[in-house]
N, C-alpha and C. Protein backbone atom coordinates (compact mmCIF):
# COMPACT_ATOMS: atom_id res chain seq x y z
N MET A 1 67.89 168.14 19.28
CA MET A 1 67.54 168.21 20.69
C MET A 1 66.91 169.56 20.97
N ARG A 2 66.02 169.53 21.91
CA ARG A 2 65.31 170.74 22.28
C ARG A 2 66.09 171.54 23.31
N GLU A 3 66.09 172.84 23.19
CA GLU A 3 66.74 173.73 24.14
C GLU A 3 66.01 173.62 25.48
N LEU A 4 66.74 173.64 26.58
CA LEU A 4 66.14 173.36 27.89
C LEU A 4 65.09 174.38 28.32
N ASP A 5 65.29 175.66 28.05
CA ASP A 5 64.27 176.65 28.43
C ASP A 5 62.96 176.37 27.70
N ASP A 6 63.06 176.06 26.41
CA ASP A 6 61.88 175.72 25.61
C ASP A 6 61.22 174.44 26.13
N LEU A 7 62.04 173.45 26.44
CA LEU A 7 61.52 172.18 26.97
C LEU A 7 60.77 172.39 28.28
N PHE A 8 61.38 173.10 29.22
CA PHE A 8 60.74 173.29 30.53
C PHE A 8 59.47 174.14 30.41
N ALA A 9 59.43 175.06 29.47
CA ALA A 9 58.20 175.82 29.23
C ALA A 9 57.09 174.88 28.75
N ALA A 10 57.43 173.96 27.86
CA ALA A 10 56.43 173.00 27.37
C ALA A 10 56.01 172.03 28.47
N LEU A 11 56.98 171.53 29.24
CA LEU A 11 56.65 170.60 30.33
C LEU A 11 55.72 171.24 31.35
N SER A 12 55.89 172.54 31.57
CA SER A 12 55.04 173.24 32.56
C SER A 12 53.59 173.30 32.12
N GLN A 13 53.32 173.05 30.86
CA GLN A 13 51.95 173.04 30.35
C GLN A 13 51.29 171.67 30.45
N SER A 14 52.05 170.65 30.83
CA SER A 14 51.52 169.29 30.92
C SER A 14 51.08 169.00 32.36
N SER A 15 49.80 168.75 32.55
CA SER A 15 49.31 168.45 33.90
C SER A 15 49.94 167.16 34.43
N PHE A 16 50.23 166.20 33.55
CA PHE A 16 50.87 164.96 33.97
C PHE A 16 52.29 165.23 34.48
N ARG A 17 53.08 165.95 33.72
CA ARG A 17 54.48 166.21 34.10
C ARG A 17 54.58 167.11 35.32
N ARG A 18 53.66 168.06 35.47
CA ARG A 18 53.70 169.00 36.60
C ARG A 18 53.40 168.34 37.93
N ARG A 19 52.75 167.21 37.92
CA ARG A 19 52.33 166.61 39.20
C ARG A 19 53.46 165.92 39.96
N PHE A 20 54.59 165.72 39.33
CA PHE A 20 55.70 165.02 39.98
C PHE A 20 56.44 165.93 40.94
N ARG A 21 56.67 165.41 42.14
CA ARG A 21 57.44 166.08 43.19
C ARG A 21 58.24 165.01 43.92
N LEU A 22 59.37 165.41 44.48
CA LEU A 22 60.13 164.46 45.29
C LEU A 22 59.41 164.22 46.60
N ALA A 23 59.26 162.96 46.96
CA ALA A 23 58.68 162.59 48.25
C ALA A 23 59.73 162.82 49.33
N PRO A 24 59.31 162.86 50.61
CA PRO A 24 60.29 163.08 51.68
C PRO A 24 61.48 162.11 51.65
N ALA A 25 61.24 160.86 51.37
CA ALA A 25 62.35 159.89 51.32
C ALA A 25 63.33 160.22 50.20
N GLU A 26 62.82 160.65 49.06
CA GLU A 26 63.69 160.99 47.94
C GLU A 26 64.45 162.30 48.21
N ARG A 27 63.78 163.24 48.88
CA ARG A 27 64.46 164.48 49.27
C ARG A 27 65.60 164.17 50.25
N LYS A 28 65.33 163.27 51.19
CA LYS A 28 66.35 162.89 52.16
C LYS A 28 67.52 162.20 51.45
N TYR A 29 67.22 161.34 50.51
CA TYR A 29 68.26 160.65 49.74
C TYR A 29 69.15 161.67 49.04
N LEU A 30 68.54 162.66 48.41
CA LEU A 30 69.28 163.70 47.71
C LEU A 30 70.13 164.52 48.69
N ALA A 31 69.54 164.87 49.81
CA ALA A 31 70.27 165.66 50.82
C ALA A 31 71.42 164.87 51.43
N THR A 32 71.19 163.60 51.67
CA THR A 32 72.20 162.76 52.31
C THR A 32 73.34 162.42 51.35
N ARG A 33 73.00 162.00 50.16
CA ARG A 33 74.01 161.55 49.19
C ARG A 33 74.64 162.71 48.43
N GLY A 34 73.87 163.77 48.22
CA GLY A 34 74.38 164.94 47.50
C GLY A 34 74.17 164.84 46.00
N PHE A 35 74.26 166.01 45.37
CA PHE A 35 74.02 166.08 43.93
C PHE A 35 75.05 165.31 43.12
N ALA A 36 76.30 165.34 43.52
CA ALA A 36 77.34 164.65 42.75
C ALA A 36 77.03 163.15 42.63
N THR A 37 76.65 162.54 43.74
CA THR A 37 76.34 161.11 43.73
C THR A 37 75.07 160.82 42.94
N VAL A 38 74.03 161.61 43.17
CA VAL A 38 72.76 161.38 42.47
C VAL A 38 72.93 161.59 40.96
N LEU A 39 73.72 162.57 40.56
CA LEU A 39 73.94 162.78 39.13
C LEU A 39 74.82 161.68 38.53
N ARG A 40 75.71 161.12 39.31
CA ARG A 40 76.47 159.95 38.84
C ARG A 40 75.50 158.80 38.60
N HIS A 41 74.58 158.61 39.54
CA HIS A 41 73.55 157.58 39.36
C HIS A 41 72.75 157.86 38.09
N ALA A 42 72.40 159.12 37.87
CA ALA A 42 71.63 159.49 36.67
C ALA A 42 72.39 159.08 35.41
N ARG A 43 73.68 159.41 35.35
CA ARG A 43 74.47 159.05 34.17
C ARG A 43 74.48 157.53 33.97
N GLU A 44 74.64 156.79 35.05
CA GLU A 44 74.67 155.32 34.96
C GLU A 44 73.31 154.78 34.51
N LEU A 45 72.23 155.29 35.11
CA LEU A 45 70.89 154.82 34.76
C LEU A 45 70.55 155.14 33.30
N ILE A 46 70.90 156.32 32.85
CA ILE A 46 70.63 156.69 31.46
C ILE A 46 71.43 155.81 30.51
N ALA A 47 72.69 155.58 30.82
CA ALA A 47 73.53 154.74 29.96
C ALA A 47 72.99 153.32 29.87
N GLN A 48 72.49 152.79 30.98
CA GLN A 48 72.01 151.41 31.01
C GLN A 48 70.59 151.26 30.50
N ARG A 49 69.71 152.15 30.89
CA ARG A 49 68.27 151.95 30.65
C ARG A 49 67.69 152.74 29.50
N LEU A 50 68.36 153.79 29.05
CA LEU A 50 67.76 154.65 28.04
C LEU A 50 68.61 154.77 26.77
N ALA A 51 69.92 154.67 26.90
CA ALA A 51 70.83 154.92 25.78
C ALA A 51 70.81 153.86 24.67
N PRO A 52 70.53 152.59 24.97
CA PRO A 52 70.53 151.61 23.87
C PRO A 52 69.49 151.94 22.80
N ALA A 53 69.74 151.48 21.59
CA ALA A 53 68.81 151.73 20.48
C ALA A 53 67.42 151.18 20.79
N GLU A 54 67.37 150.03 21.42
CA GLU A 54 66.10 149.41 21.80
C GLU A 54 66.20 148.95 23.25
N PRO A 55 65.96 149.87 24.19
CA PRO A 55 66.08 149.51 25.61
C PRO A 55 65.10 148.40 26.01
N ALA A 56 65.54 147.56 26.92
CA ALA A 56 64.66 146.51 27.45
C ALA A 56 63.46 147.17 28.12
N LYS A 57 62.30 146.62 27.87
CA LYS A 57 61.06 147.11 28.48
C LYS A 57 60.82 148.59 28.22
N ASP A 58 61.20 149.08 27.06
CA ASP A 58 61.05 150.50 26.77
C ASP A 58 59.61 150.94 26.98
N GLY A 59 59.45 152.03 27.68
CA GLY A 59 58.12 152.53 28.03
C GLY A 59 57.67 152.07 29.40
N ARG A 60 58.38 151.09 29.96
CA ARG A 60 58.03 150.57 31.29
C ARG A 60 59.27 150.38 32.16
N GLN A 61 60.41 150.90 31.70
CA GLN A 61 61.66 150.62 32.41
C GLN A 61 61.94 151.55 33.58
N THR A 62 61.18 152.63 33.72
CA THR A 62 61.48 153.60 34.77
C THR A 62 60.41 153.57 35.85
N PRO A 63 60.78 153.17 37.06
CA PRO A 63 59.81 153.20 38.17
C PRO A 63 59.38 154.63 38.46
N TYR A 64 58.24 154.79 39.11
CA TYR A 64 57.73 156.12 39.43
C TYR A 64 58.32 156.70 40.71
N ARG A 65 58.91 155.88 41.55
CA ARG A 65 59.48 156.38 42.79
C ARG A 65 60.59 155.43 43.25
N GLY A 66 61.25 155.84 44.35
CA GLY A 66 62.31 154.99 44.89
C GLY A 66 63.69 155.61 44.74
N HIS A 67 63.85 156.55 43.83
CA HIS A 67 65.12 157.24 43.63
C HIS A 67 64.79 158.60 43.02
N PRO A 68 65.47 159.66 43.44
CA PRO A 68 65.17 160.99 42.88
C PRO A 68 65.27 161.03 41.35
N VAL A 69 66.18 160.26 40.78
CA VAL A 69 66.34 160.27 39.32
C VAL A 69 65.09 159.71 38.64
N PHE A 70 64.48 158.68 39.19
CA PHE A 70 63.28 158.12 38.58
C PHE A 70 62.16 159.15 38.52
N VAL A 71 61.95 159.86 39.61
CA VAL A 71 60.89 160.88 39.65
C VAL A 71 61.22 161.98 38.64
N ALA A 72 62.47 162.40 38.62
CA ALA A 72 62.89 163.44 37.68
C ALA A 72 62.70 162.99 36.23
N GLN A 73 62.95 161.74 35.95
CA GLN A 73 62.78 161.24 34.58
C GLN A 73 61.33 161.39 34.13
N HIS A 74 60.38 161.08 34.99
CA HIS A 74 58.98 161.21 34.60
C HIS A 74 58.59 162.68 34.49
N ALA A 75 59.08 163.50 35.40
CA ALA A 75 58.76 164.93 35.38
C ALA A 75 59.31 165.62 34.13
N THR A 76 60.43 165.12 33.62
CA THR A 76 61.11 165.76 32.50
C THR A 76 60.98 165.00 31.18
N ALA A 77 60.17 163.97 31.15
CA ALA A 77 59.95 163.19 29.94
C ALA A 77 61.25 162.57 29.42
N THR A 78 62.07 162.10 30.36
CA THR A 78 63.29 161.38 30.00
C THR A 78 63.19 159.93 30.47
N CYS A 79 61.98 159.43 30.58
CA CYS A 79 61.71 158.12 31.15
C CYS A 79 61.79 156.99 30.12
N CYS A 80 61.57 157.29 28.85
CA CYS A 80 61.60 156.24 27.82
C CYS A 80 61.93 156.89 26.48
N ARG A 81 62.20 156.07 25.50
CA ARG A 81 62.59 156.59 24.19
C ARG A 81 61.42 157.29 23.49
N GLY A 82 60.20 156.84 23.75
CA GLY A 82 59.04 157.52 23.16
C GLY A 82 58.91 158.95 23.66
N CYS A 83 59.09 159.14 24.96
CA CYS A 83 59.02 160.48 25.54
C CYS A 83 60.19 161.33 25.07
N LEU A 84 61.37 160.73 24.94
CA LEU A 84 62.52 161.48 24.42
C LEU A 84 62.24 161.97 23.00
N GLU A 85 61.59 161.14 22.21
CA GLU A 85 61.30 161.54 20.84
C GLU A 85 60.25 162.66 20.82
N LYS A 86 59.20 162.49 21.59
CA LYS A 86 58.10 163.46 21.59
C LYS A 86 58.51 164.80 22.19
N TRP A 87 59.15 164.78 23.35
CA TRP A 87 59.42 166.00 24.08
C TRP A 87 60.79 166.62 23.80
N HIS A 88 61.78 165.78 23.54
CA HIS A 88 63.15 166.26 23.39
C HIS A 88 63.63 166.25 21.94
N ARG A 89 62.82 165.65 21.07
CA ARG A 89 63.16 165.55 19.64
C ARG A 89 64.42 164.73 19.40
N ILE A 90 64.56 163.67 20.20
CA ILE A 90 65.68 162.73 20.03
C ILE A 90 65.08 161.44 19.47
N PRO A 91 65.40 161.08 18.23
CA PRO A 91 64.75 159.94 17.59
C PRO A 91 65.03 158.60 18.26
N LYS A 92 64.03 157.73 18.15
CA LYS A 92 64.15 156.35 18.62
C LYS A 92 64.91 155.53 17.59
N GLY A 93 65.25 154.30 17.99
CA GLY A 93 65.79 153.33 17.04
C GLY A 93 67.28 153.38 16.82
N ARG A 94 67.97 154.20 17.57
CA ARG A 94 69.43 154.26 17.49
C ARG A 94 69.96 154.58 18.88
N PRO A 95 71.19 154.17 19.18
CA PRO A 95 71.74 154.49 20.50
C PRO A 95 71.85 156.00 20.70
N LEU A 96 71.72 156.43 21.94
CA LEU A 96 71.91 157.84 22.25
C LEU A 96 73.38 158.20 22.16
N ALA A 97 73.67 159.30 21.51
CA ALA A 97 75.04 159.82 21.45
C ALA A 97 75.43 160.36 22.83
N ASP A 98 76.72 160.51 23.06
CA ASP A 98 77.20 161.05 24.34
C ASP A 98 76.57 162.41 24.61
N GLU A 99 76.47 163.24 23.60
CA GLU A 99 75.87 164.58 23.74
C GLU A 99 74.40 164.48 24.16
N GLU A 100 73.69 163.52 23.61
CA GLU A 100 72.27 163.33 23.97
C GLU A 100 72.14 162.82 25.40
N GLN A 101 73.02 161.91 25.80
CA GLN A 101 73.00 161.45 27.18
C GLN A 101 73.29 162.60 28.13
N ALA A 102 74.22 163.46 27.78
CA ALA A 102 74.54 164.63 28.60
C ALA A 102 73.34 165.57 28.68
N HIS A 103 72.61 165.72 27.59
CA HIS A 103 71.39 166.54 27.56
C HIS A 103 70.36 165.98 28.55
N VAL A 104 70.17 164.67 28.54
CA VAL A 104 69.21 164.04 29.45
C VAL A 104 69.62 164.28 30.90
N VAL A 105 70.88 164.09 31.21
CA VAL A 105 71.35 164.29 32.59
C VAL A 105 71.23 165.76 32.98
N ALA A 106 71.51 166.67 32.08
CA ALA A 106 71.37 168.11 32.37
C ALA A 106 69.91 168.46 32.64
N THR A 107 69.01 167.83 31.92
CA THR A 107 67.57 168.05 32.12
C THR A 107 67.17 167.57 33.51
N ILE A 108 67.61 166.38 33.87
CA ILE A 108 67.32 165.81 35.19
C ILE A 108 67.91 166.70 36.28
N GLU A 109 69.14 167.13 36.09
CA GLU A 109 69.79 167.99 37.09
C GLU A 109 69.02 169.29 37.29
N ARG A 110 68.61 169.91 36.22
CA ARG A 110 67.86 171.17 36.33
C ARG A 110 66.59 170.97 37.14
N TRP A 111 65.86 169.89 36.86
CA TRP A 111 64.63 169.63 37.60
C TRP A 111 64.92 169.35 39.08
N LEU A 112 65.93 168.53 39.36
CA LEU A 112 66.28 168.21 40.75
C LEU A 112 66.69 169.46 41.53
N ARG A 113 67.46 170.32 40.90
CA ARG A 113 67.89 171.55 41.59
C ARG A 113 66.69 172.45 41.88
N ALA A 114 65.74 172.51 40.97
CA ALA A 114 64.52 173.29 41.22
C ALA A 114 63.72 172.69 42.37
N GLN A 115 63.65 171.37 42.43
CA GLN A 115 62.95 170.70 43.52
C GLN A 115 63.65 170.95 44.86
N ASP A 116 64.97 170.97 44.83
CA ASP A 116 65.75 171.17 46.05
C ASP A 116 65.51 172.56 46.64
N ARG A 117 65.16 173.51 45.81
CA ARG A 117 64.89 174.89 46.29
C ARG A 117 63.48 175.07 46.84
N GLN A 118 62.61 174.10 46.59
CA GLN A 118 61.22 174.22 47.06
C GLN A 118 61.12 173.72 48.49
N PRO A 119 60.25 174.36 49.26
CA PRO A 119 60.08 173.94 50.68
C PRO A 119 59.45 172.58 50.81
């Protein structure tokens, strides 16, 4: 797995990844529900949609909007197993270990907290 400072430095060089921002509705959702709830959702979504060895609809399973976690997944390249392999150095073809799932959630949390500090 890639260290988060190194990962975020690399993501900052990607014009595709840099373009993601929380929309007003997603910011409101985060403010209303709070980080604890949104991160619980993140853990559940990762366990269901990303952790299996061969996720259903891999590469197309993460919507681009509708929940702060979805936006964060695209911004942090935690949206599919291909992106996890390319950006996070987590191989495809096997279930994600608990430590890898925690890494994904920590990545999402870091991005969400940075977004929360922006005006």
